[in-house]
Structures are given as structure tokens and as C-alpha cells.
Amino acid sequence: MMNEQKIELDSFDFAILRILQKDNTLPHRVIAEEVNLSAPSVQRRIKRLNETGIIESNVSIISGEQIGYALTVIVTVELSNDAIELMDHAREAFLKAPEVQQCYFVSGQIDIVLVIVVQSMSEFSELTRQLFFKNKNVKKFNTYVCMSKVKAGAELPI
């Protein structure tokens, strides 16, 4: 259960986080050897990092291409109205769509940037109907089909 309280991190915490970002399946004893702490100390620190929300989740990153999600599409969205209830409606729609991998409300000429993965262009076409054309608050959207992945990751520069 995440508490998300602010805690002070020391050099050991940052060393542990660097290791976990690369491979969170390593045994505590291996991490302990790497950072020069005892395994129980590493275990306590990891527990605290999880409980305070510094570690948000422990997941496996799956290659979408390997399991049939060949298309990555970046979509920029401009809303007609920035009333909070209409923005919340858009946010909920994007949260519910499993194809939407990332969603950012941004400043500037556009309101939202989405990263979407789909298996085919016809699937993306149907998704646009559901997310954009049926949403009366979407003024316009632009799509950018990714031709190749240069870099995609979740590691922070710790």
C-alpha cells in the first residue's frame, strides 16, 4: 500500500534504485553485495521505497512488437473546451483504453499527448472513432505513426 510520504534518500537508496531499474528480480543478497550493505538492510530499504511510493510498481516490460502490437502512434489532441469536467471526461476515456500507453496533459497549443499501441491500422481507426470522433470536446487531433523505435524506456537518470 502506497503512502507517498516524502522521505530523505541517501546514496545507498539511490544505488539500490539504479540497480532495481535495470533488473528488479535480483535477490536482495546480490543487491547487498553490489551496494555494500547487508541483505536485511537492503530488504528494509526496498520495502520503505515501495511503501512510500518512490517505487511505483514492479513490472516486466514486454516487447509489443513480439506479441503483435506492431504500431506505435503518437497523437496530439486539442480540446474545444477546457472546463474541468470535460477534461476529466477525456482523462477517464484515455485511462480506460488499454491501447493508450501514456497520456500527458501539456501546455501550449495542444492539450494532450498520447502514446498508443495497436496491432493494425484498422484497429487504430476504430480507436479514433471511440476516443476522438465520439468525444464532442475533441476539436482536432493529429497522428504520427512511429516508423522505428530509437529509444523507449522507463529508467530515470539516477
N, C-alpha and C. Protein backbone atom coordinates (compact mmCIF):
# COMPACT_ATOMS: atom_id res chain seq x y z
N MET A 1 0.84 -1.18 0.00
CA MET A 1 0.00 0.00 0.00
C MET A 1 0.88 1.24 0.00
N MET A 2 0.63 2.14 -0.97
CA MET A 2 1.46 3.32 -1.10
C MET A 2 1.05 4.41 -0.14
N ASN A 3 2.06 4.95 0.54
CA ASN A 3 1.84 6.02 1.49
C ASN A 3 2.17 7.37 0.86
N GLU A 4 3.14 7.36 -0.08
CA GLU A 4 3.59 8.54 -0.80
C GLU A 4 3.98 9.70 0.10
N GLN A 5 4.63 9.39 1.22
CA GLN A 5 5.16 10.44 2.08
C GLN A 5 6.56 10.77 1.59
N LYS A 6 7.00 11.99 1.80
CA LYS A 6 8.32 12.44 1.39
C LYS A 6 9.36 11.89 2.36
N ILE A 7 10.37 11.22 1.82
CA ILE A 7 11.45 10.71 2.66
C ILE A 7 12.78 11.17 2.08
N GLU A 8 13.77 11.21 2.95
CA GLU A 8 15.12 11.54 2.53
C GLU A 8 15.80 10.28 1.99
N LEU A 9 16.41 10.40 0.85
CA LEU A 9 17.13 9.28 0.27
C LEU A 9 18.62 9.51 0.44
N ASP A 10 19.35 8.44 0.73
CA ASP A 10 20.80 8.56 0.84
C ASP A 10 21.45 7.84 -0.36
N SER A 11 22.76 7.81 -0.37
CA SER A 11 23.49 7.23 -1.51
C SER A 11 23.18 5.74 -1.66
N PHE A 12 22.92 5.03 -0.55
CA PHE A 12 22.56 3.62 -0.64
C PHE A 12 21.21 3.44 -1.34
N ASP A 13 20.24 4.30 -0.99
CA ASP A 13 18.92 4.22 -1.63
C ASP A 13 19.04 4.45 -3.13
N PHE A 14 19.82 5.47 -3.51
CA PHE A 14 19.99 5.75 -4.94
C PHE A 14 20.70 4.60 -5.66
N ALA A 15 21.69 3.99 -5.01
CA ALA A 15 22.38 2.85 -5.60
C ALA A 15 21.41 1.69 -5.80
N ILE A 16 20.58 1.44 -4.80
CA ILE A 16 19.59 0.36 -4.90
C ILE A 16 18.60 0.66 -6.03
N LEU A 17 18.14 1.90 -6.13
CA LEU A 17 17.20 2.27 -7.19
C LEU A 17 17.82 2.09 -8.58
N ARG A 18 19.08 2.47 -8.73
CA ARG A 18 19.75 2.29 -10.03
C ARG A 18 19.76 0.81 -10.42
N ILE A 19 20.04 -0.05 -9.47
CA ILE A 19 20.08 -1.49 -9.74
C ILE A 19 18.69 -2.01 -10.07
N LEU A 20 17.70 -1.64 -9.27
CA LEU A 20 16.34 -2.13 -9.48
C LEU A 20 15.74 -1.68 -10.81
N GLN A 21 16.12 -0.49 -11.28
CA GLN A 21 15.62 -0.03 -12.57
C GLN A 21 16.07 -0.93 -13.71
N LYS A 22 17.23 -1.52 -13.56
CA LYS A 22 17.75 -2.40 -14.60
C LYS A 22 17.22 -3.82 -14.47
N ASP A 23 17.08 -4.30 -13.23
CA ASP A 23 16.60 -5.67 -13.00
C ASP A 23 16.04 -5.78 -11.59
N ASN A 24 14.73 -5.74 -11.48
CA ASN A 24 14.12 -5.81 -10.14
C ASN A 24 13.88 -7.24 -9.67
N THR A 25 14.43 -8.21 -10.39
CA THR A 25 14.30 -9.60 -9.95
C THR A 25 15.55 -10.10 -9.22
N LEU A 26 16.55 -9.25 -9.11
CA LEU A 26 17.78 -9.66 -8.42
C LEU A 26 17.49 -9.96 -6.95
N PRO A 27 18.08 -11.02 -6.43
CA PRO A 27 17.91 -11.31 -4.99
C PRO A 27 18.52 -10.18 -4.14
N HIS A 28 17.97 -9.99 -2.98
CA HIS A 28 18.46 -8.94 -2.08
C HIS A 28 19.93 -9.12 -1.74
N ARG A 29 20.39 -10.35 -1.63
CA ARG A 29 21.79 -10.59 -1.30
C ARG A 29 22.72 -10.10 -2.41
N VAL A 30 22.29 -10.23 -3.66
CA VAL A 30 23.10 -9.76 -4.79
C VAL A 30 23.17 -8.24 -4.78
N ILE A 31 22.03 -7.60 -4.54
CA ILE A 31 21.99 -6.14 -4.45
C ILE A 31 22.85 -5.69 -3.27
N ALA A 32 22.74 -6.38 -2.16
CA ALA A 32 23.51 -6.04 -0.96
C ALA A 32 25.01 -6.06 -1.23
N GLU A 33 25.47 -7.08 -1.94
CA GLU A 33 26.90 -7.17 -2.29
C GLU A 33 27.32 -5.98 -3.15
N GLU A 34 26.44 -5.61 -4.08
CA GLU A 34 26.75 -4.52 -5.01
C GLU A 34 26.86 -3.17 -4.29
N VAL A 35 26.02 -2.95 -3.28
CA VAL A 35 25.99 -1.63 -2.61
C VAL A 35 26.68 -1.64 -1.25
N ASN A 36 27.25 -2.77 -0.87
CA ASN A 36 27.97 -2.89 0.41
C ASN A 36 27.08 -2.69 1.63
N LEU A 37 25.95 -3.37 1.62
CA LEU A 37 25.05 -3.41 2.77
C LEU A 37 24.69 -4.86 3.05
N SER A 38 24.03 -5.11 4.16
CA SER A 38 23.56 -6.46 4.44
C SER A 38 22.25 -6.70 3.67
N ALA A 39 21.95 -7.96 3.40
CA ALA A 39 20.71 -8.31 2.70
C ALA A 39 19.48 -7.83 3.47
N PRO A 40 19.42 -8.00 4.82
CA PRO A 40 18.25 -7.49 5.55
C PRO A 40 18.10 -5.97 5.43
N SER A 41 19.22 -5.25 5.41
CA SER A 41 19.15 -3.79 5.27
C SER A 41 18.60 -3.42 3.89
N VAL A 42 19.04 -4.11 2.87
CA VAL A 42 18.53 -3.87 1.52
C VAL A 42 17.04 -4.18 1.47
N GLN A 43 16.64 -5.27 2.10
CA GLN A 43 15.23 -5.65 2.12
C GLN A 43 14.39 -4.57 2.80
N ARG A 44 14.85 -4.05 3.93
CA ARG A 44 14.12 -2.98 4.63
C ARG A 44 14.02 -1.72 3.77
N ARG A 45 15.11 -1.37 3.12
CA ARG A 45 15.13 -0.17 2.28
C ARG A 45 14.16 -0.31 1.09
N ILE A 46 14.16 -1.47 0.45
CA ILE A 46 13.26 -1.69 -0.68
C ILE A 46 11.81 -1.65 -0.21
N LYS A 47 11.54 -2.22 0.94
CA LYS A 47 10.18 -2.18 1.50
C LYS A 47 9.75 -0.73 1.71
N ARG A 48 10.64 0.08 2.28
CA ARG A 48 10.34 1.50 2.54
C ARG A 48 10.14 2.26 1.22
N LEU A 49 10.97 1.97 0.22
CA LEU A 49 10.84 2.63 -1.08
C LEU A 49 9.50 2.28 -1.74
N ASN A 50 9.04 1.06 -1.54
CA ASN A 50 7.72 0.65 -2.06
C ASN A 50 6.60 1.33 -1.27
N GLU A 51 6.68 1.29 0.04
CA GLU A 51 5.61 1.83 0.89
C GLU A 51 5.43 3.33 0.75
N THR A 52 6.51 4.03 0.47
CA THR A 52 6.42 5.49 0.34
C THR A 52 6.10 5.95 -1.08
N GLY A 53 5.99 5.02 -2.02
CA GLY A 53 5.62 5.38 -3.38
C GLY A 53 6.78 5.78 -4.26
N ILE A 54 8.01 5.73 -3.75
CA ILE A 54 9.14 6.03 -4.62
C ILE A 54 9.25 4.96 -5.70
N ILE A 55 9.08 3.71 -5.32
CA ILE A 55 8.91 2.64 -6.31
C ILE A 55 7.42 2.55 -6.55
N GLU A 56 7.00 2.92 -7.74
CA GLU A 56 5.57 2.95 -8.05
C GLU A 56 5.01 1.56 -8.35
N SER A 57 5.80 0.73 -9.04
CA SER A 57 5.34 -0.62 -9.35
C SER A 57 6.52 -1.48 -9.77
N ASN A 58 6.30 -2.76 -9.73
CA ASN A 58 7.29 -3.73 -10.18
C ASN A 58 6.67 -4.50 -11.33
N VAL A 59 7.20 -4.26 -12.54
CA VAL A 59 6.58 -4.82 -13.73
C VAL A 59 7.64 -5.43 -14.65
N SER A 60 7.17 -6.20 -15.62
CA SER A 60 8.01 -6.67 -16.71
C SER A 60 7.67 -5.83 -17.93
N ILE A 61 8.67 -5.35 -18.61
CA ILE A 61 8.45 -4.58 -19.83
C ILE A 61 8.43 -5.56 -20.98
N ILE A 62 7.30 -5.62 -21.68
CA ILE A 62 7.08 -6.60 -22.73
C ILE A 62 7.25 -5.93 -24.08
N SER A 63 7.88 -6.61 -25.00
CA SER A 63 8.05 -6.10 -26.35
C SER A 63 6.71 -6.20 -27.09
N GLY A 64 6.09 -5.05 -27.35
CA GLY A 64 4.83 -5.04 -28.08
C GLY A 64 4.96 -5.66 -29.45
N GLU A 65 6.06 -5.39 -30.12
CA GLU A 65 6.27 -5.94 -31.46
C GLU A 65 6.30 -7.47 -31.43
N GLN A 66 6.87 -8.04 -30.38
CA GLN A 66 6.98 -9.50 -30.29
C GLN A 66 5.63 -10.18 -30.09
N ILE A 67 4.65 -9.45 -29.56
CA ILE A 67 3.34 -10.07 -29.31
C ILE A 67 2.23 -9.48 -30.18
N GLY A 68 2.63 -8.82 -31.27
CA GLY A 68 1.65 -8.40 -32.26
C GLY A 68 1.24 -6.93 -32.24
N TYR A 69 1.77 -6.14 -31.33
CA TYR A 69 1.45 -4.71 -31.32
C TYR A 69 2.51 -3.98 -32.13
N ALA A 70 2.33 -4.03 -33.46
CA ALA A 70 3.35 -3.55 -34.38
C ALA A 70 3.36 -2.04 -34.55
N LEU A 71 2.26 -1.37 -34.25
CA LEU A 71 2.17 0.06 -34.49
C LEU A 71 2.17 0.87 -33.20
N THR A 72 3.04 1.85 -33.15
CA THR A 72 3.03 2.84 -32.09
C THR A 72 2.65 4.16 -32.74
N VAL A 73 1.67 4.83 -32.17
CA VAL A 73 1.17 6.08 -32.73
C VAL A 73 1.20 7.15 -31.65
N ILE A 74 1.77 8.29 -31.99
CA ILE A 74 1.74 9.46 -31.11
C ILE A 74 0.58 10.32 -31.59
N VAL A 75 -0.28 10.72 -30.67
CA VAL A 75 -1.44 11.52 -31.02
C VAL A 75 -1.44 12.79 -30.18
N THR A 76 -1.58 13.92 -30.85
CA THR A 76 -1.76 15.18 -30.14
C THR A 76 -3.23 15.57 -30.26
N VAL A 77 -3.79 16.05 -29.16
CA VAL A 77 -5.22 16.34 -29.11
C VAL A 77 -5.42 17.78 -28.67
N GLU A 78 -6.28 18.48 -29.38
CA GLU A 78 -6.69 19.83 -28.98
C GLU A 78 -8.16 19.76 -28.58
N LEU A 79 -8.46 20.22 -27.38
CA LEU A 79 -9.84 20.21 -26.89
C LEU A 79 -10.54 21.51 -27.24
N SER A 80 -11.85 21.43 -27.39
CA SER A 80 -12.65 22.62 -27.66
C SER A 80 -12.85 23.47 -26.42
N ASN A 81 -12.99 22.79 -25.29
CA ASN A 81 -13.33 23.48 -24.04
C ASN A 81 -12.46 22.91 -22.94
N ASP A 82 -11.87 23.80 -22.12
CA ASP A 82 -11.01 23.32 -21.05
C ASP A 82 -11.70 23.31 -19.69
N ALA A 83 -13.02 23.21 -19.69
CA ALA A 83 -13.76 23.06 -18.44
C ALA A 83 -13.31 21.77 -17.77
N ILE A 84 -13.12 21.83 -16.47
CA ILE A 84 -12.54 20.70 -15.74
C ILE A 84 -13.34 19.40 -15.90
N GLU A 85 -14.66 19.48 -15.91
CA GLU A 85 -15.46 18.26 -16.05
C GLU A 85 -15.29 17.63 -17.43
N LEU A 86 -15.10 18.47 -18.46
CA LEU A 86 -14.87 17.93 -19.81
C LEU A 86 -13.46 17.34 -19.93
N MET A 87 -12.50 17.97 -19.29
CA MET A 87 -11.14 17.43 -19.29
C MET A 87 -11.10 16.11 -18.51
N ASP A 88 -11.83 16.04 -17.40
CA ASP A 88 -11.90 14.80 -16.63
C ASP A 88 -12.54 13.68 -17.44
N HIS A 89 -13.54 14.01 -18.24
CA HIS A 89 -14.20 13.02 -19.10
C HIS A 89 -13.18 12.46 -20.10
N ALA A 90 -12.38 13.33 -20.71
CA ALA A 90 -11.36 12.88 -21.65
C ALA A 90 -10.33 12.02 -20.92
N ARG A 91 -9.90 12.47 -19.76
CA ARG A 91 -8.91 11.72 -18.97
C ARG A 91 -9.43 10.31 -18.67
N GLU A 92 -10.68 10.20 -18.27
CA GLU A 92 -11.26 8.88 -17.95
C GLU A 92 -11.29 7.98 -19.18
N ALA A 93 -11.65 8.55 -20.33
CA ALA A 93 -11.68 7.75 -21.56
C ALA A 93 -10.30 7.21 -21.91
N PHE A 94 -9.28 8.05 -21.75
CA PHE A 94 -7.92 7.62 -22.06
C PHE A 94 -7.42 6.59 -21.05
N LEU A 95 -7.78 6.76 -19.78
CA LEU A 95 -7.38 5.80 -18.75
C LEU A 95 -7.99 4.42 -19.00
N LYS A 96 -9.20 4.39 -19.50
CA LYS A 96 -9.91 3.12 -19.72
C LYS A 96 -9.43 2.37 -20.96
N ALA A 97 -8.80 3.06 -21.90
CA ALA A 97 -8.37 2.43 -23.15
C ALA A 97 -7.01 1.77 -22.96
N PRO A 98 -6.93 0.44 -22.98
CA PRO A 98 -5.64 -0.23 -22.75
C PRO A 98 -4.61 0.06 -23.83
N GLU A 99 -5.06 0.48 -24.99
CA GLU A 99 -4.13 0.83 -26.07
C GLU A 99 -3.34 2.10 -25.77
N VAL A 100 -3.91 2.97 -24.93
CA VAL A 100 -3.24 4.21 -24.55
C VAL A 100 -2.19 3.86 -23.50
N GLN A 101 -0.94 3.93 -23.89
CA GLN A 101 0.17 3.57 -23.00
C GLN A 101 0.61 4.74 -22.13
N GLN A 102 0.53 5.94 -22.68
CA GLN A 102 0.93 7.14 -21.96
C GLN A 102 -0.02 8.26 -22.33
N CYS A 103 -0.31 9.11 -21.36
CA CYS A 103 -1.21 10.25 -21.58
C CYS A 103 -0.67 11.43 -20.79
N TYR A 104 -0.44 12.53 -21.48
CA TYR A 104 0.09 13.73 -20.85
C TYR A 104 -0.80 14.92 -21.18
N PHE A 105 -1.25 15.64 -20.15
CA PHE A 105 -1.87 16.94 -20.36
C PHE A 105 -0.72 17.93 -20.39
N VAL A 106 -0.63 18.73 -21.46
CA VAL A 106 0.53 19.59 -21.66
C VAL A 106 0.12 21.04 -21.85
N SER A 107 1.09 21.93 -21.73
CA SER A 107 0.84 23.35 -22.00
C SER A 107 1.18 23.63 -23.46
N GLY A 108 0.67 24.72 -23.97
CA GLY A 108 0.95 25.11 -25.36
C GLY A 108 -0.29 25.03 -26.22
N GLN A 109 -0.08 24.90 -27.52
CA GLN A 109 -1.18 24.92 -28.47
C GLN A 109 -2.04 23.66 -28.42
N ILE A 110 -1.47 22.56 -28.00
CA ILE A 110 -2.26 21.34 -27.86
C ILE A 110 -2.51 21.08 -26.38
N ASP A 111 -3.47 20.23 -26.09
CA ASP A 111 -3.84 19.96 -24.70
C ASP A 111 -3.33 18.62 -24.19
N ILE A 112 -3.28 17.62 -25.06
CA ILE A 112 -2.98 16.26 -24.64
C ILE A 112 -2.04 15.60 -25.64
N VAL A 113 -1.11 14.83 -25.14
CA VAL A 113 -0.25 13.98 -25.98
C VAL A 113 -0.46 12.55 -25.51
N LEU A 114 -0.73 11.67 -26.46
CA LEU A 114 -0.95 10.25 -26.17
C LEU A 114 0.07 9.40 -26.91
N VAL A 115 0.48 8.32 -26.27
CA VAL A 115 1.26 7.28 -26.94
C VAL A 115 0.36 6.05 -26.94
N ILE A 116 0.09 5.56 -28.14
CA ILE A 116 -0.88 4.47 -28.33
C ILE A 116 -0.20 3.32 -29.06
N VAL A 117 -0.50 2.08 -28.64
CA VAL A 117 -0.03 0.90 -29.37
C VAL A 117 -1.24 0.12 -29.86
N VAL A 118 -1.16 -0.34 -31.11
CA VAL A 118 -2.23 -1.12 -31.71
C VAL A 118 -1.62 -2.21 -32.59
N GLN A 119 -2.45 -3.17 -32.94
CA GLN A 119 -1.99 -4.28 -33.77
C GLN A 119 -2.07 -3.95 -35.26
N SER A 120 -2.97 -3.03 -35.63
CA SER A 120 -3.15 -2.73 -37.05
C SER A 120 -3.71 -1.33 -37.23
N MET A 121 -3.63 -0.84 -38.44
CA MET A 121 -4.18 0.47 -38.74
C MET A 121 -5.71 0.45 -38.63
N SER A 122 -6.33 -0.66 -38.95
CA SER A 122 -7.79 -0.73 -38.80
C SER A 122 -8.19 -0.66 -37.33
N GLU A 123 -7.39 -1.27 -36.45
CA GLU A 123 -7.65 -1.16 -35.02
C GLU A 123 -7.50 0.29 -34.56
N PHE A 124 -6.47 0.97 -35.08
CA PHE A 124 -6.29 2.38 -34.72
C PHE A 124 -7.45 3.22 -35.23
N SER A 125 -7.92 2.93 -36.42
CA SER A 125 -9.05 3.66 -36.99
C SER A 125 -10.28 3.53 -36.10
N GLU A 126 -10.56 2.33 -35.63
CA GLU A 126 -11.70 2.12 -34.73
C GLU A 126 -11.49 2.84 -33.41
N LEU A 127 -10.28 2.82 -32.90
CA LEU A 127 -9.97 3.51 -31.65
C LEU A 127 -10.17 5.02 -31.79
N THR A 128 -9.81 5.58 -32.94
CA THR A 128 -10.02 7.02 -33.14
C THR A 128 -11.50 7.37 -33.11
N ARG A 129 -12.32 6.49 -33.63
CA ARG A 129 -13.77 6.72 -33.57
C ARG A 129 -14.24 6.81 -32.12
N GLN A 130 -13.76 5.85 -31.31
CA GLN A 130 -14.19 5.80 -29.91
C GLN A 130 -13.64 6.96 -29.08
N LEU A 131 -12.36 7.24 -29.23
CA LEU A 131 -11.72 8.23 -28.35
C LEU A 131 -11.85 9.67 -28.82
N PHE A 132 -11.89 9.88 -30.13
CA PHE A 132 -11.84 11.25 -30.63
C PHE A 132 -13.11 11.70 -31.35
N PHE A 133 -13.57 10.93 -32.32
CA PHE A 133 -14.74 11.37 -33.09
C PHE A 133 -16.02 11.38 -32.26
N LYS A 134 -16.15 10.46 -31.32
CA LYS A 134 -17.36 10.42 -30.48
C LYS A 134 -17.28 11.39 -29.30
N ASN A 135 -16.12 11.95 -29.05
CA ASN A 135 -15.95 12.91 -27.96
C ASN A 135 -16.16 14.32 -28.52
N LYS A 136 -17.25 14.93 -28.19
CA LYS A 136 -17.60 16.24 -28.75
C LYS A 136 -16.65 17.35 -28.29
N ASN A 137 -15.85 17.08 -27.27
CA ASN A 137 -14.91 18.09 -26.79
C ASN A 137 -13.57 18.03 -27.52
N VAL A 138 -13.36 17.04 -28.38
CA VAL A 138 -12.13 16.98 -29.15
C VAL A 138 -12.30 17.87 -30.37
N LYS A 139 -11.55 18.96 -30.39
CA LYS A 139 -11.60 19.91 -31.51
C LYS A 139 -10.88 19.33 -32.72
N LYS A 140 -9.65 18.83 -32.47
CA LYS A 140 -8.91 18.15 -33.55
C LYS A 140 -7.82 17.31 -32.93
N PHE A 141 -7.34 16.35 -33.72
CA PHE A 141 -6.22 15.53 -33.28
C PHE A 141 -5.33 15.25 -34.47
N ASN A 142 -4.05 15.09 -34.19
CA ASN A 142 -3.06 14.76 -35.22
C ASN A 142 -2.38 13.46 -34.81
N THR A 143 -2.08 12.64 -35.81
CA THR A 143 -1.44 11.36 -35.52
C THR A 143 -0.07 11.31 -36.19
N TYR A 144 0.84 10.67 -35.51
CA TYR A 144 2.20 10.48 -36.00
C TYR A 144 2.53 9.00 -35.80
N VAL A 145 2.61 8.27 -36.90
CA VAL A 145 2.91 6.85 -36.83
C VAL A 145 4.42 6.69 -36.70
N CYS A 146 4.86 5.97 -35.68
CA CYS A 146 6.28 5.74 -35.46
C CYS A 146 6.81 4.76 -36.49
N MET A 147 7.87 5.16 -37.16
CA MET A 147 8.46 4.29 -38.18
C MET A 147 9.51 3.36 -37.60
N SER A 148 10.17 3.80 -36.53
CA SER A 148 11.11 2.93 -35.83
C SER A 148 11.30 3.47 -34.41
N LYS A 149 11.57 2.54 -33.51
CA LYS A 149 11.80 2.92 -32.13
C LYS A 149 13.29 3.16 -31.94
N VAL A 150 13.64 4.39 -31.60
CA VAL A 150 15.03 4.73 -31.36
C VAL A 150 15.36 4.51 -29.89
N LYS A 151 14.47 4.96 -29.02
CA LYS A 151 14.68 4.79 -27.58
C LYS A 151 13.32 4.85 -26.89
N ALA A 152 13.08 3.90 -26.04
CA ALA A 152 11.88 3.91 -25.21
C ALA A 152 12.24 3.20 -23.93
N GLY A 153 12.03 3.86 -22.84
CA GLY A 153 12.40 3.25 -21.57
C GLY A 153 11.71 3.90 -20.41
N ALA A 154 11.95 3.33 -19.25
CA ALA A 154 11.33 3.84 -18.05
C ALA A 154 12.37 4.18 -16.98
N GLU A 155 13.66 4.06 -17.33
CA GLU A 155 14.70 4.32 -16.36
C GLU A 155 14.92 5.82 -16.19
N LEU A 156 14.98 6.25 -14.94
CA LEU A 156 15.29 7.63 -14.61
C LEU A 156 16.81 7.78 -14.51
N PRO A 157 17.35 8.95 -14.84
CA PRO A 157 18.80 9.14 -14.76
C PRO A 157 19.25 9.41 -13.33
N ILE A 158 19.27 8.36 -12.52
CA ILE A 158 19.64 8.48 -11.11
C ILE A 158 21.14 8.49 -10.98
